Amino acid sequence: MFTRIRTIATVTALGTALLSAASPSTAGATAAHSAQAASAGHLPTVVVHVSDSAIHLSVGHRLHAGRVLFRVKTRQGGHDLQLARLHSGYTLAEAGKDFSKAFRGDVDAIRRIDHNITFLGGTSTRPGSPGAFAVNLHAARLLVFDQDSNALTRLRVFGTPPRRPTVASSSGVTAFTYGFGVSRRTLPRSGWTRVRNSSDQPHFVVFQHVKNRTTHRMVARFLKSGAHGNPSWGLKANTSVGVMSPNRGEVFHYNLPAGKYLMACFWPDDDTGMPHIFMGMWKLIRLR
């Protein structure tokens, strides 16, 4: 299925997840080691298991601040893990209602989300294709949820970030207000890439495999027509980086077939209500 159709439908489900989690819940027992401060020079790894009904973190519900590597796995279906922080005074119930409106073009709801939630990134995962990303975390109470289901859990990040090693990347992608920049003309088909949001709105990045004959004119024509149905030039392989607020970033791991890809953002614009792809935020690239 072409990612535009899948993404708009599944990201909207995020609102349902937030609403369903608005009532108080009891957290499970925290792993004893998760409360300990990680030593300098060590990059902690959190293994995340995602299903349609639950998210399980290998560290329980507490994690020391600093750079952290997340490895995301699932046994069934496709899932898109997201980290986020709700600002003080903005409730889960309010967020859920706003999400249900935002992806229908309600500009006021979009602005409330943009101003009251800090999105910290994430990744997609499929059976046999685990996702991985590294992100810098500061002390806060976070939500960890699946964009494709109602699964949600909480994570308390505490302490002062120590010095930890970076994750080496071989390429980079920058999201601007309505466009993308890449560090090289052809990106590697597999490995770590550094993704950065350098705009004034949240963005996420989808990598959608397309046929080699796909041209800018073909994509533009499809979008101008309203992007209904699946285009003849769309292929199956895809992956995505989670939503990131302005001036946020992550180091993201992917493993895709070589070929041509449509890179795009579908976040709704805070002025027009339209998904950013319809405002020119897309780019054809090659992976080799």
Protein backbone atom coordinates (compact mmCIF):
# COMPACT_ATOMS: atom_id res chain seq x y z
CA MET A 1 0.00 0.00 0.00
CA PHE A 2 1.30 3.43 -0.87
CA THR A 3 2.64 5.12 2.25
CA ARG A 4 0.57 8.30 1.90
CA ILE A 5 -2.65 6.32 2.41
CA ARG A 6 -1.18 4.20 5.21
CA THR A 7 0.43 7.09 7.04
CA ILE A 8 -2.58 9.41 7.14
CA ALA A 9 -4.78 6.60 8.43
CA THR A 10 -2.42 5.24 11.04
CA VAL A 11 -1.10 8.49 12.45
CA THR A 12 -4.70 9.53 13.04
CA ALA A 13 -5.05 6.42 15.22
CA LEU A 14 -2.57 8.11 17.54
CA GLY A 15 -5.44 10.20 18.89
CA THR A 16 -7.37 7.06 19.77
CA ALA A 17 -4.38 5.72 21.65
CA LEU A 18 -4.03 8.92 23.65
CA LEU A 19 -7.72 9.01 24.51
CA SER A 20 -7.75 5.39 25.61
CA ALA A 21 -4.81 6.06 27.94
CA ALA A 22 -6.35 9.14 29.54
CA SER A 23 -7.67 7.18 32.52
CA PRO A 24 -5.16 6.38 35.30
CA SER A 25 -3.32 3.08 34.99
CA THR A 26 -1.02 1.16 37.27
CA ALA A 27 2.54 0.75 36.09
CA GLY A 28 4.23 -2.61 36.26
CA ALA A 29 7.24 -3.34 38.44
CA THR A 30 10.30 -1.39 37.39
CA ALA A 31 13.41 -3.36 36.57
CA ALA A 32 15.90 -2.85 39.37
CA HIS A 33 18.77 -1.86 37.11
CA SER A 34 16.76 0.85 35.35
CA ALA A 35 16.94 3.16 38.36
CA GLN A 36 20.71 3.16 38.36
CA ALA A 37 22.65 5.95 36.70
CA ALA A 38 24.36 4.76 33.55
CA SER A 39 28.13 5.14 33.61
CA ALA A 40 29.92 7.61 31.37
CA GLY A 41 31.13 6.08 28.11
CA HIS A 42 28.31 3.52 28.00
CA LEU A 43 25.41 3.80 25.57
CA PRO A 44 22.36 2.14 27.15
CA THR A 45 20.07 0.10 24.92
CA VAL A 46 16.33 -0.15 25.46
CA VAL A 47 14.68 -3.11 23.74
CA VAL A 48 11.06 -2.34 22.89
CA HIS A 49 8.51 -5.04 22.06
CA VAL A 50 5.38 -3.68 20.35
CA SER A 51 2.04 -5.36 19.69
CA ASP A 52 -1.45 -4.09 18.96
CA SER A 53 -2.27 -4.16 22.67
CA ALA A 54 0.93 -3.38 24.57
CA ILE A 55 4.42 -1.89 24.56
CA HIS A 56 7.05 -3.49 26.79
CA LEU A 57 10.34 -1.74 27.58
CA SER A 58 13.33 -3.78 28.72
CA VAL A 59 14.11 -1.12 31.37
CA GLY A 60 10.62 -1.02 32.83
CA HIS A 61 9.34 2.53 33.27
CA ARG A 62 12.47 4.40 34.42
CA LEU A 63 15.56 5.41 32.48
CA HIS A 64 18.55 7.62 33.22
CA ALA A 65 18.87 10.70 31.02
CA GLY A 66 21.39 10.88 28.20
CA ARG A 67 21.91 9.42 24.76
CA VAL A 68 19.97 6.14 24.46
CA LEU A 69 19.68 3.50 21.75
CA PHE A 70 16.21 2.03 21.18
CA ARG A 71 15.79 -1.30 19.37
CA VAL A 72 12.17 -1.85 18.38
CA LYS A 73 10.75 -5.31 17.61
CA THR A 74 7.39 -6.87 16.81
CA ARG A 75 6.10 -10.34 16.04
CA GLN A 76 3.04 -9.35 14.05
CA GLY A 77 1.91 -6.46 11.87
CA GLY A 78 3.48 -3.09 11.19
CA HIS A 79 4.09 -0.61 14.00
CA ASP A 80 5.48 2.91 14.30
CA LEU A 81 6.94 3.69 17.70
CA GLN A 82 6.85 7.31 18.91
CA LEU A 83 8.38 9.13 21.88
CA ALA A 84 6.69 12.33 23.08
CA ARG A 85 6.32 14.66 26.06
CA LEU A 86 3.07 16.43 26.90
CA HIS A 87 3.60 19.92 28.27
CA SER A 88 2.26 20.91 31.67
CA GLY A 89 -1.47 21.64 31.63
CA TYR A 90 -2.17 19.73 28.40
CA THR A 91 -3.90 16.44 29.16
CA LEU A 92 -4.02 13.13 27.35
CA ALA A 93 -7.74 13.58 26.78
CA GLU A 94 -7.17 16.98 25.19
CA ALA A 95 -4.40 15.60 23.01
CA GLY A 96 -6.59 12.72 21.85
CA LYS A 97 -9.41 15.04 20.83
CA ASP A 98 -7.00 17.35 19.02
CA PHE A 99 -5.42 14.50 17.07
CA SER A 100 -8.81 13.32 15.88
CA LYS A 101 -9.35 16.82 14.42
CA ALA A 102 -5.83 17.68 13.27
CA PHE A 103 -5.62 15.15 10.46
CA ARG A 104 -8.94 16.40 9.13
CA GLY A 105 -7.36 19.83 8.64
CA ASP A 106 -8.43 21.65 11.83
CA VAL A 107 -5.73 24.35 12.08
CA ASP A 108 -6.54 25.27 15.69
CA ALA A 109 -6.12 21.63 16.75
CA ILE A 110 -2.86 21.37 14.81
CA ARG A 111 -1.49 24.45 16.55
CA ARG A 112 -2.49 23.15 19.98
CA ILE A 113 -0.66 19.90 19.28
CA ASP A 114 2.42 21.66 17.90
CA HIS A 115 2.61 23.97 20.93
CA ASN A 116 1.77 21.46 23.66
CA ILE A 117 3.63 18.31 22.65
CA THR A 118 7.34 17.84 22.14
CA PHE A 119 7.88 14.96 19.72
CA LEU A 120 11.19 13.18 20.26
CA GLY A 121 11.33 10.81 17.32
CA GLY A 122 10.85 7.10 16.78
CA THR A 123 10.94 4.43 14.10
CA SER A 124 8.91 1.80 12.29
CA THR A 125 9.22 -1.95 12.80
CA ARG A 126 7.95 -5.05 11.00
CA PRO A 127 8.25 -8.79 11.75
CA GLY A 128 11.81 -9.76 10.88
CA SER A 129 12.73 -6.09 10.31
CA PRO A 130 13.40 -4.50 13.70
CA GLY A 131 13.84 -0.76 13.89
CA ALA A 132 16.52 1.17 15.74
CA PHE A 133 17.19 4.79 16.61
CA ALA A 134 19.31 6.78 19.05
CA VAL A 135 18.13 9.98 20.71
CA ASN A 136 19.26 12.33 23.48
CA LEU A 137 16.84 12.40 26.42
CA HIS A 138 16.56 14.83 29.31
CA ALA A 139 14.67 14.42 32.57
CA ALA A 140 10.94 14.29 31.82
CA ARG A 141 7.86 12.11 31.89
CA LEU A 142 7.42 10.65 28.41
CA LEU A 143 4.77 8.78 26.49
CA VAL A 144 5.86 5.82 24.37
CA PHE A 145 3.13 4.83 21.93
CA ASP A 146 2.38 3.02 18.70
CA GLN A 147 0.94 5.15 15.88
CA ASP A 148 -0.76 2.06 14.42
CA SER A 149 -2.72 0.83 17.45
CA ASN A 150 -3.89 1.79 20.94
CA ALA A 151 -0.69 0.50 22.58
CA LEU A 152 0.89 3.03 24.94
CA THR A 153 3.15 3.08 27.98
CA ARG A 154 4.97 5.68 30.08
CA LEU A 155 8.65 6.28 30.69
CA ARG A 156 10.18 8.50 33.36
CA VAL A 157 13.58 9.87 32.39
CA PHE A 158 15.56 11.14 35.36
CA GLY A 159 18.96 12.56 36.30
CA THR A 160 21.57 14.64 34.51
CA PRO A 161 22.79 13.36 31.12
CA PRO A 162 26.37 11.99 31.38
CA ARG A 163 28.87 11.96 28.53
CA ARG A 164 28.12 9.02 26.28
CA PRO A 165 29.46 7.89 22.90
CA THR A 166 27.73 9.02 19.72
CA VAL A 167 26.30 6.69 17.10
CA ALA A 168 28.34 6.99 13.90
CA SER A 169 26.28 7.80 10.81
CA SER A 170 27.21 7.64 7.13
CA SER A 171 24.65 10.14 5.83
CA GLY A 172 22.27 12.87 6.91
CA VAL A 173 18.78 14.19 6.16
CA THR A 174 17.54 17.64 7.19
CA ALA A 175 13.86 18.57 7.26
CA PHE A 176 13.21 22.23 6.47
CA THR A 177 9.85 24.03 6.54
CA TYR A 178 8.70 22.65 3.18
CA GLY A 179 11.59 20.62 1.87
CA PHE A 180 14.49 18.24 2.54
CA GLY A 181 18.24 18.45 2.34
CA VAL A 182 20.49 15.40 2.04
CA SER A 183 24.18 15.11 2.78
CA ARG A 184 24.94 13.31 -0.48
CA ARG A 185 23.20 12.74 -3.81
CA THR A 186 22.95 8.97 -3.30
CA LEU A 187 22.35 7.62 0.19
CA PRO A 188 23.41 4.14 1.32
CA ARG A 189 20.63 1.54 1.17
CA SER A 190 21.44 0.36 4.68
CA GLY A 191 23.01 1.85 7.79
CA TRP A 192 22.72 4.77 10.16
CA THR A 193 21.67 8.24 9.04
CA ARG A 194 21.32 11.40 11.10
CA VAL A 195 17.91 13.06 10.73
CA ARG A 196 17.32 16.63 11.92
CA ASN A 197 14.25 18.89 11.97
CA SER A 198 15.49 22.42 11.29
CA SER A 199 12.09 24.03 10.74
CA ASP A 200 9.42 25.69 12.88
CA GLN A 201 6.90 22.80 12.71
CA PRO A 202 6.96 19.08 13.57
CA HIS A 203 7.95 16.71 10.78
CA PHE A 204 8.37 13.02 10.20
CA VAL A 205 10.15 11.40 7.29
CA VAL A 206 8.84 8.56 5.16
CA PHE A 207 11.04 6.64 2.73
CA GLN A 208 8.77 5.04 0.10
CA HIS A 209 10.20 2.74 -2.59
CA VAL A 210 9.06 3.72 -6.09
CA LYS A 211 9.76 2.41 -9.59
CA ASN A 212 12.96 3.61 -11.22
CA ARG A 213 11.00 5.33 -14.00
CA THR A 214 9.19 7.58 -11.48
CA THR A 215 9.73 11.27 -12.26
CA HIS A 216 9.04 14.51 -10.42
CA ARG A 217 6.26 15.22 -12.92
CA MET A 218 4.54 11.90 -12.14
CA VAL A 219 4.60 12.54 -8.38
CA ALA A 220 3.43 16.13 -8.78
CA ARG A 221 0.57 15.04 -11.03
CA PHE A 222 -0.53 12.39 -8.52
CA LEU A 223 -0.51 14.90 -5.67
CA LYS A 224 -2.34 17.52 -7.72
CA SER A 225 -5.08 14.97 -8.47
CA GLY A 226 -5.69 14.56 -4.72
CA ALA A 227 -3.54 11.43 -4.23
CA HIS A 228 -6.51 9.06 -4.26
CA GLY A 229 -5.74 5.36 -4.44
CA ASN A 230 -2.32 3.85 -5.03
CA PRO A 231 -0.12 5.22 -7.83
CA SER A 232 1.12 2.80 -10.47
CA TRP A 233 4.70 3.75 -9.65
CA GLY A 234 4.54 2.86 -5.92
CA LEU A 235 6.33 -0.23 -4.59
CA LYS A 236 6.02 -2.11 -1.31
CA ALA A 237 9.20 -1.32 0.65
CA ASN A 238 9.11 1.63 3.04
CA THR A 239 10.21 2.83 6.43
CA SER A 240 9.80 5.99 8.46
CA VAL A 241 11.33 8.20 11.12
CA GLY A 242 9.04 9.22 13.99
CA VAL A 243 7.64 12.72 14.42
CA MET A 244 10.22 15.26 15.60
CA SER A 245 9.51 18.72 16.96
CA PRO A 246 11.54 21.72 15.73
CA ASN A 247 15.27 21.51 16.47
CA ARG A 248 15.03 17.83 17.40
CA GLY A 249 16.82 14.94 15.77
CA GLU A 250 17.74 11.30 15.94
CA VAL A 251 20.18 8.83 14.44
CA PHE A 252 18.09 6.33 12.54
CA HIS A 253 18.89 2.83 11.23
CA TYR A 254 17.27 1.41 8.12
CA ASN A 255 17.75 -1.50 5.71
CA LEU A 256 16.00 -1.08 2.36
CA PRO A 257 16.32 -2.44 -1.18
CA ALA A 258 18.46 -0.32 -3.47
CA GLY A 259 16.57 1.91 -5.87
CA LYS A 260 14.58 5.13 -6.13
CA TYR A 261 12.59 6.45 -3.15
CA LEU A 262 10.07 9.15 -2.47
CA MET A 263 11.01 10.95 0.74
CA ALA A 264 8.06 12.86 2.20
CA CYS A 265 6.42 14.37 5.29
CA PHE A 266 2.68 14.07 5.94
CA TRP A 267 2.40 16.18 9.09
CA PRO A 268 -0.51 18.67 8.83
CA ASP A 269 0.50 22.28 8.27
CA ASP A 270 -0.27 24.81 11.01
CA ASP A 271 -1.44 27.45 8.49
CA THR A 272 -3.36 25.46 5.87
CA GLY A 273 -4.20 22.15 7.59
CA MET A 274 -2.83 20.29 4.56
CA PRO A 275 -0.30 17.44 4.91
CA HIS A 276 3.14 18.87 4.17
CA ILE A 277 3.63 16.63 1.13
CA PHE A 278 0.90 18.63 -0.65
CA MET A 279 2.87 21.80 0.05
CA GLY A 280 5.99 20.53 -1.69
CA MET A 281 7.67 18.64 1.14
CA TRP A 282 8.84 15.65 -0.86
CA LYS A 283 11.97 14.63 -2.71
CA LEU A 284 13.00 11.77 -4.99
CA ILE A 285 16.28 10.19 -3.91
CA ARG A 286 18.32 7.09 -4.68
CA LEU A 287 19.60 4.47 -2.27
CA ARG A 288 22.55 2.38 -3.36
